[in-house]
Amino acid sequence: GAVVVAPGVSGARHGVSERACAQSGLDGAMAMSIGKKYNASLQQCMLRIKDPKVSVPFYEQHFGMKLVHKYDFPAFKFSLYFMEMPRDGHALPAEVPSPESEKYLWTMPGCTLELTHNWGTESDPDFKGYWSGNHGKDLPESSPLYMKDGPNRGFGHFAFNVDDVYATSAELEKNGVRMQKRPDEGRMKGLAFALDPDGYWIEIVQREAGLFKEPRNLSQVMMRVKDGAKTVEFYRDIMGMTLVREMVVPNDFTNFFLMNLSEEEKTATPEDEVSKLPKRLWQPALELTFNHGTDKDDAFQVHTGNSDPQGFGHIGFIVDDLEAMCKELEAAGVPFVKKPEDGKMRGLAFISDPSGYRVELIQRAMAIDPELLKAPSP
């Protein structure tokens, strides 16, 4: 998964280097991270959508995802739809929504797209649509994605790994899916970007063929970050992810790939093959794109998608003991947007990463208070 400026944007890109992430250095030599201690696992990527009657079938029909749980919050006028790419032979909840599907959602080993629908956007003629994260003022003015009065770019895309990028892209296009980039366009050959109904970018990436029966797996969530080193430290040393790959384009950008790996997955992978894990494993990688120099610019801030223009909302991890973990995070100086005891929603918290992105932490096996799902009394 690379950052692709729109096809046809000039700029020589060469000398791409892969820094080996040696096994011994994967997690640093430090004590167990807070995330590892509480078994934090990347479980969601939240995107705001205009119309669930369009978006949910889009992901079901074109990407084979399944709705595994849904919440309606009548008092707050929004709904959440959780979509998963199911694994062969993996039992899904029989009824959605149900206590069974809620339990499945908050104990699952996999990762979902959480689609947030603020009621009324689907029928509001003045609704301007959501921001994909890929238009911004930090691009050259010649770019078709340049946004003069816009924010700096933030969230970039999520991705599916497939056995054949060309065949998958052709099929998507034949079925009416809009393409931002076909596999042979632009300077990055062999990867493609499709667009969802709200204009979010979906990267189509080549995986090692023959590993899975399923035609695709949800394989990455990409966010642009202000400071590469600080952000890697946060997700690796605090959240307990493993840095598996570092792709450097000198004088331009670096992509860092981090994954939640089990001890078995770590020990089973020879050192020189760790960088191949994003193309081999089922679970998604968090891809952090660091455009060189933004860390030195005090005024630079990526746009996280939670103020105008809105779009992407957060990533989320399920954890074993939310309250204990939050106490440790607080002691470590991690900033909180919402502590577990704040507000009406129990069983979850929000922290900020070094770029200001929201990171949700959810108690494993939690259940939302049924009172919050009731219509307000007149």
Foldseek 3Di string as FASTA:
>chain_A
DDDAFFFPDDDDFDPKDWDFCFLCNFQHPDDAALQVVFVWAFAEWEWEDQDCVQFVVQCCPLPVWDFLEKFAQQAQQKMKTWTFNDAPPDDGDPDYPDLVSLQCSQAPRAYTYIYMYRPPSNPDPPNPFFDQLNAECPDPPPGPSDDPPGAHGWWAAWEKEFQAQQVSVVVCVVVPWAWSAHQPTHDRHRKTWTAGPRGHTYIYHYANPDQGPDRIAGAETETEFQDDVQQCCCCRRHSPWTFQIWIDRPLFKIKTWTHRDDPCRSVVDHSVCSNRVSRRDRHYIYIYIYTPPSNVDPPHARDQQPDPNHTTAAIEIETADQQVSVVVCVVVVWAWPAHQPPDQWHQKTWTAGPRRHIYMYGYRSDDTDVVSRDNDDD
